[in-house]
Amino acid sequence: MATGLLAVFLLGGLAVQEGLAQQKPGRKKQGKAATGAANLAAVPAPTLTDVKYGPYARNVLDFWRAPSDRPTPVVVFIHGGGFTAGDKSKVRGDKIVSQCLDAGVSFAAINYRYRTDTPIQDVLRDCARAIQFLRSQAAEWNVDKARIASYGGSAGAGTSLWLAFHDDLADPDSNDPVLRESTRLACAGANSCQFSYDLLEWEKLFGTATRRFEGGENLPGFYGLRTDEELRGPVGQKIRADCDMRGLISKDDPPVFLHTAQPGGDIMDRGHLLHHPKHALAIYERCRQVGVPVVANIPALGMRPSPDQPQDLAAFLFRHLGVSIAR
């Protein structure tokens, strides 16, 4: 198990809401239990539960099929939890499921292996395989392969950005029909994201705060490596570059929505380091630089969607999935 910054991921990931609730800083969460119970009651049960999309125990997903005579878009929820905790069931208390189904959009929620069992690059590829699996079920599940989006909070946010920015992992020559499918998204949403899973890039963005809150421990295990020499050598460089969301961004990537309610300013603790608005800003600036459409709702930095842009994540997803909502 990796230590150091992996502990940061665990500590911060568990503290972040993973749904679409985008509360303003300082807003009290009154009646949370009653509201959560009401939302849960309003969310229908999945059409299919714990469907295996890969060979490992946590390679399972839930699927809600929207009633439609035509193939439907799909929104995929990727849970947070620092890559060491969390579960797809988290979304069952979120109104986004019903919003999607009412709009004719199918919905999926996935699990993936934890970082305690496999390196980060394999965790990310679990999630990519889930996207491929959904496409492989297009005929049976009435899915439009061209209109698949993902979103999540914290680790789920970073993973959604990785899927949006990574080159297509489809292997047309694979013996596995799932792996022949595309991993590309139509759009992605990120709530309290990280800008990169190349952890050596963090000090460039946050300076000494990175070392102050990581504890100065060993990082190679995050990538399944043993030594610092491996981490910084050719093998480690290749793996880290493949996990660097900001570094992967190119002009042909899909639109992304970025939100964080975290305060800015000096880093206060590990959770703040993990979800600081600078993460989202780094992605926003790179997207703008290369020409990727991006919408940012980062109150701490005075950044809000413009009047002609979707004002929240659900509206963003529906717009870029080509879904019209009656008003």
C-alpha atoms as a PDB file:
ATOM      1  CA  MET A   1       0.000   0.000   0.000  1.00  0.00           C
ATOM      2  CA  ALA A   2       1.336   3.417  -0.914  1.00  0.00           C
ATOM      3  CA  THR A   3       1.825   5.917   1.856  1.00  0.00           C
ATOM      4  CA  GLY A   4       2.364   9.658   1.977  1.00  0.00           C
ATOM      5  CA  LEU A   5       0.118  11.350  -0.530  1.00  0.00           C
ATOM      6  CA  LEU A   6      -2.036   8.237  -0.733  1.00  0.00           C
ATOM      7  CA  ALA A   7      -3.011   9.056   2.833  1.00  0.00           C
ATOM      8  CA  VAL A   8      -3.976  12.491   1.553  1.00  0.00           C
ATOM      9  CA  PHE A   9      -6.321  10.907  -0.965  1.00  0.00           C
ATOM     10  CA  LEU A  10      -7.962   8.801   1.729  1.00  0.00           C
ATOM     11  CA  LEU A  11      -8.287  11.613   4.222  1.00  0.00           C
ATOM     12  CA  GLY A  12      -9.712  14.144   1.829  1.00  0.00           C
ATOM     13  CA  GLY A  13     -11.732  11.849  -0.387  1.00  0.00           C
ATOM     14  CA  LEU A  14     -13.981  10.662   2.388  1.00  0.00           C
ATOM     15  CA  ALA A  15     -14.850  14.207   3.397  1.00  0.00           C
ATOM     16  CA  VAL A  16     -16.246  15.363   0.067  1.00  0.00           C
ATOM     17  CA  GLN A  17     -19.826  14.979  -1.100  1.00  0.00           C
ATOM     18  CA  GLU A  18     -19.794  12.844  -4.216  1.00  0.00           C
ATOM     19  CA  GLY A  19     -23.140  13.824  -5.700  1.00  0.00           C
ATOM     20  CA  LEU A  20     -24.250  16.925  -7.497  1.00  0.00           C
ATOM     21  CA  ALA A  21     -25.047  18.945  -4.372  1.00  0.00           C
ATOM     22  CA  GLN A  22     -23.098  22.155  -4.858  1.00  0.00           C
ATOM     23  CA  GLN A  23     -23.537  24.029  -1.620  1.00  0.00           C
ATOM     24  CA  LYS A  24     -22.111  27.482  -1.163  1.00  0.00           C
ATOM     25  CA  PRO A  25     -19.389  27.829   1.496  1.00  0.00           C
ATOM     26  CA  GLY A  26     -20.887  28.448   4.913  1.00  0.00           C
ATOM     27  CA  ARG A  27     -24.365  27.170   4.039  1.00  0.00           C
ATOM     28  CA  LYS A  28     -25.799  25.055   6.841  1.00  0.00           C
ATOM     29  CA  LYS A  29     -26.922  21.531   6.006  1.00  0.00           C
ATOM     30  CA  GLN A  30     -30.174  21.715   7.929  1.00  0.00           C
ATOM     31  CA  GLY A  31     -32.523  18.791   7.720  1.00  0.00           C
ATOM     32  CA  LYS A  32     -29.895  16.687   5.989  1.00  0.00           C
ATOM     33  CA  ALA A  33     -31.249  13.351   7.230  1.00  0.00           C
ATOM     34  CA  ALA A  34     -34.833  14.164   6.243  1.00  0.00           C
ATOM     35  CA  THR A  35     -33.773  15.531   2.856  1.00  0.00           C
ATOM     36  CA  GLY A  36     -31.580  12.508   2.174  1.00  0.00           C
ATOM     37  CA  ALA A  37     -34.418  10.136   3.061  1.00  0.00           C
ATOM     38  CA  ALA A  38     -36.793  12.008   0.753  1.00  0.00           C
ATOM     39  CA  ASN A  39     -34.297  11.907  -2.121  1.00  0.00           C
ATOM     40  CA  LEU A  40     -33.651   8.208  -1.568  1.00  0.00           C
ATOM     41  CA  ALA A  41     -37.358   7.464  -1.628  1.00  0.00           C
ATOM     42  CA  ALA A  42     -37.692   9.319  -4.916  1.00  0.00           C
ATOM     43  CA  VAL A  43     -34.893   7.398  -6.653  1.00  0.00           C
ATOM     44  CA  PRO A  44     -36.083   4.213  -8.376  1.00  0.00           C
ATOM     45  CA  ALA A  45     -34.234   0.962  -7.914  1.00  0.00           C
ATOM     46  CA  PRO A  46     -31.698   0.088 -10.618  1.00  0.00           C
ATOM     47  CA  THR A  47     -32.899  -1.936 -13.579  1.00  0.00           C
ATOM     48  CA  LEU A  48     -29.805  -4.114 -13.156  1.00  0.00           C
ATOM     49  CA  THR A  49     -27.652  -4.442 -10.036  1.00  0.00           C
ATOM     50  CA  ASP A  50     -24.052  -5.601  -9.551  1.00  0.00           C
ATOM     51  CA  VAL A  51     -23.487  -6.422 -13.205  1.00  0.00           C
ATOM     52  CA  LYS A  52     -19.935  -7.699 -13.753  1.00  0.00           C
ATOM     53  CA  TYR A  53     -17.982  -5.558 -16.209  1.00  0.00           C
ATOM     54  CA  GLY A  54     -14.572  -7.117 -15.536  1.00  0.00           C
ATOM     55  CA  PRO A  55     -12.814 -10.015 -13.803  1.00  0.00           C
ATOM     56  CA  TYR A  56     -12.329  -8.526 -10.323  1.00  0.00           C
ATOM     57  CA  ALA A  57     -14.721  -8.532  -7.371  1.00  0.00           C
ATOM     58  CA  ARG A  58     -15.226  -4.752  -7.444  1.00  0.00           C
ATOM     59  CA  ASN A  59     -15.696  -4.639 -11.233  1.00  0.00           C
ATOM     60  CA  VAL A  60     -19.456  -4.252 -10.879  1.00  0.00           C
ATOM     61  CA  LEU A  61     -21.978  -1.615 -11.858  1.00  0.00           C
ATOM     62  CA  ASP A  62     -25.634  -0.712 -11.416  1.00  0.00           C
ATOM     63  CA  PHE A  63     -27.689   0.389 -14.424  1.00  0.00           C
ATOM     64  CA  TRP A  64     -30.924   2.342 -14.635  1.00  0.00           C
ATOM     65  CA  ARG A  65     -32.515   2.025 -18.065  1.00  0.00           C
ATOM     66  CA  ALA A  66     -34.476   5.059 -19.219  1.00  0.00           C
ATOM     67  CA  PRO A  67     -37.687   4.173 -21.096  1.00  0.00           C
ATOM     68  CA  SER A  68     -37.221   5.146 -24.737  1.00  0.00           C
ATOM     69  CA  ASP A  69     -37.913   3.883 -28.243  1.00  0.00           C
ATOM     70  CA  ARG A  70     -34.516   5.192 -29.312  1.00  0.00           C
ATOM     71  CA  PRO A  71     -31.008   4.546 -27.938  1.00  0.00           C
ATOM     72  CA  THR A  72     -30.430   6.694 -24.881  1.00  0.00           C
ATOM     73  CA  PRO A  73     -27.460   8.661 -23.586  1.00  0.00           C
ATOM     74  CA  VAL A  74     -25.861   7.395 -20.366  1.00  0.00           C
ATOM     75  CA  VAL A  75     -24.514   9.349 -17.401  1.00  0.00           C
ATOM     76  CA  VAL A  76     -21.987   7.364 -15.345  1.00  0.00           C
ATOM     77  CA  PHE A  77     -21.338   8.106 -11.670  1.00  0.00           C
ATOM     78  CA  ILE A  78     -17.820   7.352 -10.372  1.00  0.00           C
ATOM     79  CA  HIS A  79     -17.668   7.453  -6.577  1.00  0.00           C
ATOM     80  CA  GLY A  80     -15.010   9.154  -4.498  1.00  0.00           C
ATOM     81  CA  GLY A  81     -13.260   7.904  -1.373  1.00  0.00           C
ATOM     82  CA  GLY A  82      -9.578   8.440  -1.922  1.00  0.00           C
ATOM     83  CA  PHE A  83      -9.296   5.299  -4.091  1.00  0.00           C
ATOM     84  CA  THR A  84      -9.399   3.308  -0.854  1.00  0.00           C
ATOM     85  CA  ALA A  85     -13.071   3.585   0.132  1.00  0.00           C
ATOM     86  CA  GLY A  86     -16.494   4.505  -1.223  1.00  0.00           C
ATOM     87  CA  ASP A  87     -19.153   2.669  -3.173  1.00  0.00           C
ATOM     88  CA  LYS A  88     -21.510   3.104  -6.130  1.00  0.00           C
ATOM     89  CA  SER A  89     -24.499   2.930  -3.771  1.00  0.00           C
ATOM     90  CA  LYS A  90     -23.684   6.503  -2.654  1.00  0.00           C
ATOM     91  CA  VAL A  91     -25.585   7.895  -5.642  1.00  0.00           C
ATOM     92  CA  ARG A  92     -28.861   6.234  -4.692  1.00  0.00           C
ATOM     93  CA  GLY A  93     -29.617   9.184  -2.438  1.00  0.00           C
ATOM     94  CA  ASP A  94     -29.025  11.727  -5.199  1.00  0.00           C
ATOM     95  CA  LYS A  95     -31.799  13.263  -7.287  1.00  0.00           C
ATOM     96  CA  ILE A  96     -29.571  13.212 -10.392  1.00  0.00           C
ATOM     97  CA  VAL A  97     -30.698   9.637 -11.052  1.00  0.00           C
ATOM     98  CA  SER A  98     -34.356  10.651 -11.339  1.00  0.00           C
ATOM     99  CA  GLN A  99     -33.420  13.803 -13.257  1.00  0.00           C
ATOM    100  CA  CYS A 100     -31.662  11.676 -15.839  1.00  0.00           C
ATOM    101  CA  LEU A 101     -34.403   9.082 -16.159  1.00  0.00           C
ATOM    102  CA  ASP A 102     -37.076  11.781 -16.462  1.00  0.00           C
ATOM    103  CA  ALA A 103     -35.034  13.348 -19.274  1.00  0.00           C
ATOM    104  CA  GLY A 104     -34.687  10.050 -21.144  1.00  0.00           C
ATOM    105  CA  VAL A 105     -31.094   9.520 -20.049  1.00  0.00           C
ATOM    106  CA  SER A 106     -30.002   6.146 -18.695  1.00  0.00           C
ATOM    107  CA  PHE A 107     -27.739   6.076 -15.656  1.00  0.00           C
ATOM    108  CA  ALA A 108     -24.937   3.878 -14.358  1.00  0.00           C
ATOM    109  CA  ALA A 109     -22.898   3.803 -11.146  1.00  0.00           C
ATOM    110  CA  ILE A 110     -19.668   1.845 -10.981  1.00  0.00           C
ATOM    111  CA  ASN A 111     -17.299   0.347  -8.443  1.00  0.00           C
ATOM    112  CA  TYR A 112     -13.622  -0.195  -9.102  1.00  0.00           C
ATOM    113  CA  ARG A 113     -10.680  -1.803  -7.353  1.00  0.00           C
ATOM    114  CA  TYR A 114      -9.164   0.131  -4.469  1.00  0.00           C
ATOM    115  CA  ARG A 115      -5.607   1.404  -4.422  1.00  0.00           C
ATOM    116  CA  THR A 116      -4.902  -0.985  -1.563  1.00  0.00           C
ATOM    117  CA  ASP A 117      -5.215  -3.824  -4.099  1.00  0.00           C
ATOM    118  CA  THR A 118      -3.703  -2.422  -7.299  1.00  0.00           C
ATOM    119  CA  PRO A 119      -1.734   0.611  -8.568  1.00  0.00           C
ATOM    120  CA  ILE A 120      -3.514   3.812  -9.529  1.00  0.00           C
ATOM    121  CA  GLN A 121      -3.029   3.237 -13.270  1.00  0.00           C
ATOM    122  CA  ASP A 122      -4.975  -0.023 -12.966  1.00  0.00           C
ATOM    123  CA  VAL A 123      -7.736   1.645 -10.952  1.00  0.00           C
ATOM    124  CA  LEU A 124      -8.180   4.193 -13.725  1.00  0.00           C
ATOM    125  CA  ARG A 125      -8.319   1.442 -16.332  1.00  0.00           C
ATOM    126  CA  ASP A 126     -11.009  -0.352 -14.363  1.00  0.00           C
ATOM    127  CA  CYS A 127     -13.150   2.740 -14.870  1.00  0.00           C
ATOM    128  CA  ALA A 128     -12.233   2.897 -18.541  1.00  0.00           C
ATOM    129  CA  ARG A 129     -13.315  -0.723 -18.921  1.00  0.00           C
ATOM    130  CA  ALA A 130     -16.666   0.106 -17.341  1.00  0.00           C
ATOM    131  CA  ILE A 131     -17.235   2.685 -20.110  1.00  0.00           C
ATOM    132  CA  GLN A 132     -16.244   0.095 -22.703  1.00  0.00           C
ATOM    133  CA  PHE A 133     -18.568  -2.460 -21.154  1.00  0.00           C
ATOM    134  CA  LEU A 134     -21.523  -0.086 -21.346  1.00  0.00           C
ATOM    135  CA  ARG A 135     -20.827   0.392 -25.041  1.00  0.00           C
ATOM    136  CA  SER A 136     -20.578  -3.373 -25.516  1.00  0.00           C
ATOM    137  CA  GLN A 137     -24.131  -3.649 -24.126  1.00  0.00           C
ATOM    138  CA  ALA A 138     -25.507  -0.936 -26.412  1.00  0.00           C
ATOM    139  CA  ALA A 139     -27.924  -3.136 -28.347  1.00  0.00           C
ATOM    140  CA  GLU A 140     -29.243  -5.026 -25.322  1.00  0.00           C
ATOM    141  CA  TRP A 141     -29.480  -1.993 -23.008  1.00  0.00           C
ATOM    142  CA  ASN A 142     -30.629   0.528 -25.635  1.00  0.00           C
ATOM    143  CA  VAL A 143     -27.541   2.723 -25.232  1.00  0.00           C
ATOM    144  CA  ASP A 144     -26.317   5.388 -27.650  1.00  0.00           C
ATOM    145  CA  LYS A 145     -22.579   4.712 -27.836  1.00  0.00           C
ATOM    146  CA  ALA A 146     -21.825   8.272 -28.944  1.00  0.00           C
ATOM    147  CA  ARG A 147     -23.467   9.880 -25.899  1.00  0.00           C
ATOM    148  CA  ILE A 148     -21.799   8.640 -22.718  1.00  0.00           C
ATOM    149  CA  ALA A 149     -20.683  11.034 -19.956  1.00  0.00           C
ATOM    150  CA  SER A 150     -19.206  10.578 -16.497  1.00  0.00           C
ATOM    151  CA  TYR A 151     -18.953  12.635 -13.330  1.00  0.00           C
ATOM    152  CA  GLY A 152     -17.969  12.279  -9.701  1.00  0.00           C
ATOM    153  CA  GLY A 153     -16.517  13.938  -6.638  1.00  0.00           C
ATOM    154  CA  SER A 154     -12.896  13.904  -5.479  1.00  0.00           C
ATOM    155  CA  ALA A 155     -11.385  10.631  -6.770  1.00  0.00           C
ATOM    156  CA  GLY A 156     -14.431  10.229  -9.031  1.00  0.00           C
ATOM    157  CA  ALA A 157     -13.868  13.753 -10.332  1.00  0.00           C
ATOM    158  CA  GLY A 158     -10.228  13.127 -11.150  1.00  0.00           C
ATOM    159  CA  THR A 159     -11.086   9.826 -12.807  1.00  0.00           C
ATOM    160  CA  SER A 160     -13.772  11.478 -14.935  1.00  0.00           C
ATOM    161  CA  LEU A 161     -11.222  14.064 -16.090  1.00  0.00           C
ATOM    162  CA  TRP A 162      -8.724  11.303 -16.839  1.00  0.00           C
ATOM    163  CA  LEU A 163     -11.303   9.539 -19.007  1.00  0.00           C
ATOM    164  CA  ALA A 164     -12.137  12.809 -20.772  1.00  0.00           C
ATOM    165  CA  PHE A 165      -8.529  13.675 -21.563  1.00  0.00           C
ATOM    166  CA  HIS A 166      -6.871  10.296 -22.146  1.00  0.00           C
ATOM    167  CA  ASP A 167      -6.419   8.997 -25.671  1.00  0.00           C
ATOM    168  CA  ASP A 168      -8.836   6.253 -26.661  1.00  0.00           C
ATOM    169  CA  LEU A 169      -7.854   2.924 -25.100  1.00  0.00           C
ATOM    170  CA  ALA A 170      -9.865   0.851 -27.580  1.00  0.00           C
ATOM    171  CA  ASP A 171      -7.937  -2.112 -28.970  1.00  0.00           C
ATOM    172  CA  PRO A 172      -9.658  -3.251 -32.180  1.00  0.00           C
ATOM    173  CA  ASP A 173      -7.500  -6.397 -32.301  1.00  0.00           C
ATOM    174  CA  SER A 174      -8.257  -7.564 -28.764  1.00  0.00           C
ATOM    175  CA  ASN A 175      -9.679 -11.035 -28.184  1.00  0.00           C
ATOM    176  CA  ASP A 176     -11.873  -9.407 -25.533  1.00  0.00           C
ATOM    177  CA  PRO A 177     -14.853  -7.749 -27.262  1.00  0.00           C
ATOM    178  CA  VAL A 178     -15.207  -5.255 -24.393  1.00  0.00           C
ATOM    179  CA  LEU A 179     -11.693  -3.918 -24.978  1.00  0.00           C
ATOM    180  CA  ARG A 180     -12.501  -3.248 -28.637  1.00  0.00           C
ATOM    181  CA  GLU A 181     -14.909  -0.507 -27.559  1.00  0.00           C
ATOM    182  CA  SER A 182     -14.006   3.165 -27.155  1.00  0.00           C
ATOM    183  CA  THR A 183     -13.220   4.730 -23.776  1.00  0.00           C
ATOM    184  CA  ARG A 184     -13.952   8.291 -24.932  1.00  0.00           C
ATOM    185  CA  LEU A 185     -16.623  10.478 -23.345  1.00  0.00           C
ATOM    186  CA  ALA A 186     -19.032  13.037 -24.766  1.00  0.00           C
ATOM    187  CA  CYS A 187     -18.442  15.263 -21.705  1.00  0.00           C
ATOM    188  CA  ALA A 188     -17.391  15.027 -18.062  1.00  0.00           C
ATOM    189  CA  GLY A 189     -18.127  16.692 -14.731  1.00  0.00           C
ATOM    190  CA  ALA A 190     -15.768  17.115 -11.796  1.00  0.00           C
ATOM    191  CA  ASN A 191     -16.697  18.174  -8.265  1.00  0.00           C
ATOM    192  CA  SER A 192     -13.664  18.953  -6.067  1.00  0.00           C
ATOM    193  CA  CYS A 193     -11.177  17.427  -8.466  1.00  0.00           C
ATOM    194  CA  GLN A 194      -7.448  16.870  -8.453  1.00  0.00           C
ATOM    195  CA  PHE A 195      -5.501  18.267 -11.412  1.00  0.00           C
ATOM    196  CA  SER A 196      -3.082  15.365 -11.783  1.00  0.00           C
ATOM    197  CA  TYR A 197      -2.284  11.912 -10.452  1.00  0.00           C
ATOM    198  CA  ASP A 198       1.369  12.510 -11.233  1.00  0.00           C
ATOM    199  CA  LEU A 199       1.984  13.331  -7.600  1.00  0.00           C
ATOM    200  CA  LEU A 200       5.377  14.855  -8.317  1.00  0.00           C
ATOM    201  CA  GLU A 201       3.563  17.654 -10.159  1.00  0.00           C
ATOM    202  CA  TRP A 202       1.789  18.764  -6.985  1.00  0.00           C
ATOM    203  CA  GLU A 203       4.773  20.606  -5.539  1.00  0.00           C
ATOM    204  CA  LYS A 204       4.931  22.750  -8.674  1.00  0.00           C
ATOM    205  CA  LEU A 205       1.375  23.900  -7.946  1.00  0.00           C
ATOM    206  CA  PHE A 206       1.362  24.039  -4.147  1.00  0.00           C
ATOM    207  CA  GLY A 207       5.003  24.482  -3.187  1.00  0.00           C
ATOM    208  CA  THR A 208       6.172  23.332   0.220  1.00  0.00           C
ATOM    209  CA  ALA A 209       2.604  22.703   1.414  1.00  0.00           C
ATOM    210  CA  THR A 210       2.693  19.437  -0.514  1.00  0.00           C
ATOM    211  CA  ARG A 211       5.602  18.116   1.540  1.00  0.00           C
ATOM    212  CA  ARG A 212       4.279  19.628   4.755  1.00  0.00           C
ATOM    213  CA  PHE A 213       1.041  17.666   4.590  1.00  0.00           C
ATOM    214  CA  GLU A 214       2.226  14.472   2.937  1.00  0.00           C
ATOM    215  CA  GLY A 215       4.404  13.476   5.862  1.00  0.00           C
ATOM    216  CA  GLY A 216       7.539  13.012   3.749  1.00  0.00           C
ATOM    217  CA  GLU A 217       6.871   9.308   3.204  1.00  0.00           C
ATOM    218  CA  ASN A 218       7.494   6.999   0.273  1.00  0.00           C
ATOM    219  CA  LEU A 219       5.406   7.477  -2.902  1.00  0.00           C
ATOM    220  CA  PRO A 220       6.482   4.777  -5.409  1.00  0.00           C
ATOM    221  CA  GLY A 221       3.880   2.278  -4.190  1.00  0.00           C
ATOM    222  CA  PHE A 222       1.112   4.553  -5.464  1.00  0.00           C
ATOM    223  CA  TYR A 223       2.174   3.332  -8.930  1.00  0.00           C
ATOM    224  CA  GLY A 224       3.173  -0.202  -7.946  1.00  0.00           C
ATOM    225  CA  LEU A 225       6.864   0.731  -7.888  1.00  0.00           C
ATOM    226  CA  ARG A 226       9.420  -0.003  -5.189  1.00  0.00           C
ATOM    227  CA  THR A 227      12.027   2.734  -5.191  1.00  0.00           C
ATOM    228  CA  ASP A 228      12.361   6.453  -5.728  1.00  0.00           C
ATOM    229  CA  GLU A 229      14.741   5.690  -8.575  1.00  0.00           C
ATOM    230  CA  GLU A 230      11.990   3.740 -10.340  1.00  0.00           C
ATOM    231  CA  LEU A 231       9.515   6.536  -9.637  1.00  0.00           C
ATOM    232  CA  ARG A 232      11.729   9.170 -11.267  1.00  0.00           C
ATOM    233  CA  GLY A 233      13.266   6.937 -13.921  1.00  0.00           C
ATOM    234  CA  PRO A 234      11.928   6.044 -17.391  1.00  0.00           C
ATOM    235  CA  VAL A 235       9.345   3.517 -16.129  1.00  0.00           C
ATOM    236  CA  GLY A 236       8.001   5.863 -13.493  1.00  0.00           C
ATOM    237  CA  GLN A 237       8.002   8.825 -15.855  1.00  0.00           C
ATOM    238  CA  LYS A 238       5.883   6.916 -18.360  1.00  0.00           C
ATOM    239  CA  ILE A 239       3.361   5.800 -15.735  1.00  0.00           C
ATOM    240  CA  ARG A 240       3.130   9.243 -14.158  1.00  0.00           C
ATOM    241  CA  ALA A 241       2.629  10.947 -17.520  1.00  0.00           C
ATOM    242  CA  ASP A 242      -0.212   8.522 -18.252  1.00  0.00           C
ATOM    243  CA  CYS A 243      -1.909   9.574 -14.982  1.00  0.00           C
ATOM    244  CA  ASP A 244      -1.421  13.323 -15.462  1.00  0.00           C
ATOM    245  CA  MET A 245      -4.829  14.734 -16.379  1.00  0.00           C
ATOM    246  CA  ARG A 246      -3.567  18.242 -17.047  1.00  0.00           C
ATOM    247  CA  GLY A 247      -0.720  16.954 -19.186  1.00  0.00           C
ATOM    248  CA  LEU A 248      -3.079  14.781 -21.250  1.00  0.00           C
ATOM    249  CA  ILE A 249      -5.373  17.638 -22.343  1.00  0.00           C
ATOM    250  CA  SER A 250      -5.523  18.175 -26.109  1.00  0.00           C
ATOM    251  CA  LYS A 251      -7.746  20.167 -28.437  1.00  0.00           C
ATOM    252  CA  ASP A 252      -9.899  17.182 -29.454  1.00  0.00           C
ATOM    253  CA  ASP A 253     -11.036  16.450 -25.893  1.00  0.00           C
ATOM    254  CA  PRO A 254     -14.700  16.743 -24.809  1.00  0.00           C
ATOM    255  CA  PRO A 255     -16.193  19.602 -22.749  1.00  0.00           C
ATOM    256  CA  VAL A 256     -15.758  19.519 -18.973  1.00  0.00           C
ATOM    257  CA  PHE A 257     -17.551  21.126 -16.014  1.00  0.00           C
ATOM    258  CA  LEU A 258     -15.491  22.030 -12.942  1.00  0.00           C
ATOM    259  CA  HIS A 259     -16.892  22.829  -9.507  1.00  0.00           C
ATOM    260  CA  THR A 260     -15.450  23.200  -6.048  1.00  0.00           C
ATOM    261  CA  ALA A 261     -16.895  24.884  -2.977  1.00  0.00           C
ATOM    262  CA  GLN A 262     -13.587  24.719  -1.096  1.00  0.00           C
ATOM    263  CA  PRO A 263     -11.997  27.987   0.114  1.00  0.00           C
ATOM    264  CA  GLY A 264      -8.845  29.290  -1.506  1.00  0.00           C
ATOM    265  CA  GLY A 265      -5.838  30.785   0.241  1.00  0.00           C
ATOM    266  CA  ASP A 266      -3.121  29.010   2.186  1.00  0.00           C
ATOM    267  CA  ILE A 267      -3.363  25.233   2.556  1.00  0.00           C
ATOM    268  CA  MET A 268      -4.905  24.468   5.944  1.00  0.00           C
ATOM    269  CA  ASP A 269      -4.786  20.664   6.106  1.00  0.00           C
ATOM    270  CA  ARG A 270      -4.562  17.537   3.989  1.00  0.00           C
ATOM    271  CA  GLY A 271      -8.186  17.633   2.900  1.00  0.00           C
ATOM    272  CA  HIS A 272      -7.766  21.240   1.772  1.00  0.00           C
ATOM    273  CA  LEU A 273      -4.651  20.278  -0.192  1.00  0.00           C
ATOM    274  CA  LEU A 274      -6.585  17.532  -1.941  1.00  0.00           C
ATOM    275  CA  HIS A 275      -9.538  19.715  -2.988  1.00  0.00           C
ATOM    276  CA  HIS A 276      -8.074  23.215  -3.170  1.00  0.00           C
ATOM    277  CA  PRO A 277      -9.547  25.394  -5.958  1.00  0.00           C
ATOM    278  CA  LYS A 278      -6.090  25.546  -7.549  1.00  0.00           C
ATOM    279  CA  HIS A 279      -6.679  22.002  -8.834  1.00  0.00           C
ATOM    280  CA  ALA A 280      -9.739  23.047 -10.808  1.00  0.00           C
ATOM    281  CA  LEU A 281      -8.076  26.277 -11.898  1.00  0.00           C
ATOM    282  CA  ALA A 282      -5.098  24.359 -13.304  1.00  0.00           C
ATOM    283  CA  ILE A 283      -7.442  22.232 -15.431  1.00  0.00           C
ATOM    284  CA  TYR A 284      -9.486  25.295 -16.452  1.00  0.00           C
ATOM    285  CA  GLU A 285      -6.438  27.256 -17.589  1.00  0.00           C
ATOM    286  CA  ARG A 286      -5.023  24.356 -19.592  1.00  0.00           C
ATOM    287  CA  CYS A 287      -8.389  23.724 -21.277  1.00  0.00           C
ATOM    288  CA  ARG A 288      -8.625  27.385 -22.232  1.00  0.00           C
ATOM    289  CA  GLN A 289      -5.057  27.338 -23.495  1.00  0.00           C
ATOM    290  CA  VAL A 290      -5.598  24.434 -25.893  1.00  0.00           C
ATOM    291  CA  GLY A 291      -9.227  25.149 -26.815  1.00  0.00           C
ATOM    292  CA  VAL A 292     -11.206  22.530 -24.874  1.00  0.00           C
ATOM    293  CA  PRO A 293     -14.681  23.814 -23.892  1.00  0.00           C
ATOM    294  CA  VAL A 294     -14.813  24.266 -20.128  1.00  0.00           C
ATOM    295  CA  VAL A 295     -17.304  25.676 -17.613  1.00  0.00           C
ATOM    296  CA  ALA A 296     -16.088  26.586 -14.128  1.00  0.00           C
ATOM    297  CA  ASN A 297     -18.047  27.229 -10.944  1.00  0.00           C
ATOM    298  CA  ILE A 298     -15.340  28.072  -8.414  1.00  0.00           C
ATOM    299  CA  PRO A 299     -16.755  30.654  -5.982  1.00  0.00           C
ATOM    300  CA  ALA A 300     -13.525  31.042  -3.990  1.00  0.00           C
ATOM    301  CA  LEU A 301     -11.825  32.335  -7.130  1.00  0.00           C
ATOM    302  CA  GLY A 302     -14.761  34.461  -8.249  1.00  0.00           C
ATOM    303  CA  MET A 303     -15.454  32.135 -11.177  1.00  0.00           C
ATOM    304  CA  ARG A 304     -19.065  31.446 -12.188  1.00  0.00           C
ATOM    305  CA  PRO A 305     -20.651  30.163 -15.400  1.00  0.00           C
ATOM    306  CA  SER A 306     -21.516  32.973 -17.805  1.00  0.00           C
ATOM    307  CA  PRO A 307     -25.233  33.557 -18.547  1.00  0.00           C
ATOM    308  CA  ASP A 308     -25.038  31.597 -21.794  1.00  0.00           C
ATOM    309  CA  GLN A 309     -23.399  28.580 -20.128  1.00  0.00           C
ATOM    310  CA  PRO A 310     -25.092  25.782 -18.141  1.00  0.00           C
ATOM    311  CA  GLN A 311     -25.376  26.925 -14.553  1.00  0.00           C
ATOM    312  CA  ASP A 312     -24.987  23.527 -12.915  1.00  0.00           C
ATOM    313  CA  LEU A 313     -23.592  20.109 -13.652  1.00  0.00           C
ATOM    314  CA  ALA A 314     -26.878  18.444 -14.588  1.00  0.00           C
ATOM    315  CA  ALA A 315     -27.675  21.171 -17.123  1.00  0.00           C
ATOM    316  CA  PHE A 316     -24.146  20.872 -18.506  1.00  0.00           C
ATOM    317  CA  LEU A 317     -24.395  17.108 -18.953  1.00  0.00           C
ATOM    318  CA  PHE A 318     -27.784  17.325 -20.637  1.00  0.00           C
ATOM    319  CA  ARG A 319     -26.661  20.055 -23.034  1.00  0.00           C
ATOM    320  CA  HIS A 320     -23.618  18.137 -24.220  1.00  0.00           C
ATOM    321  CA  LEU A 321     -25.538  14.877 -24.445  1.00  0.00           C
ATOM    322  CA  GLY A 322     -28.040  16.590 -26.739  1.00  0.00           C
ATOM    323  CA  VAL A 323     -30.932  16.301 -24.292  1.00  0.00           C
ATOM    324  CA  SER A 324     -33.707  18.907 -24.327  1.00  0.00           C
ATOM    325  CA  ILE A 325     -35.366  19.627 -21.002  1.00  0.00           C
ATOM    326  CA  ALA A 326     -38.924  20.973 -20.925  1.00  0.00           C
ATOM    327  CA  ARG A 327     -39.220  24.221 -18.956  1.00  0.00           C
END
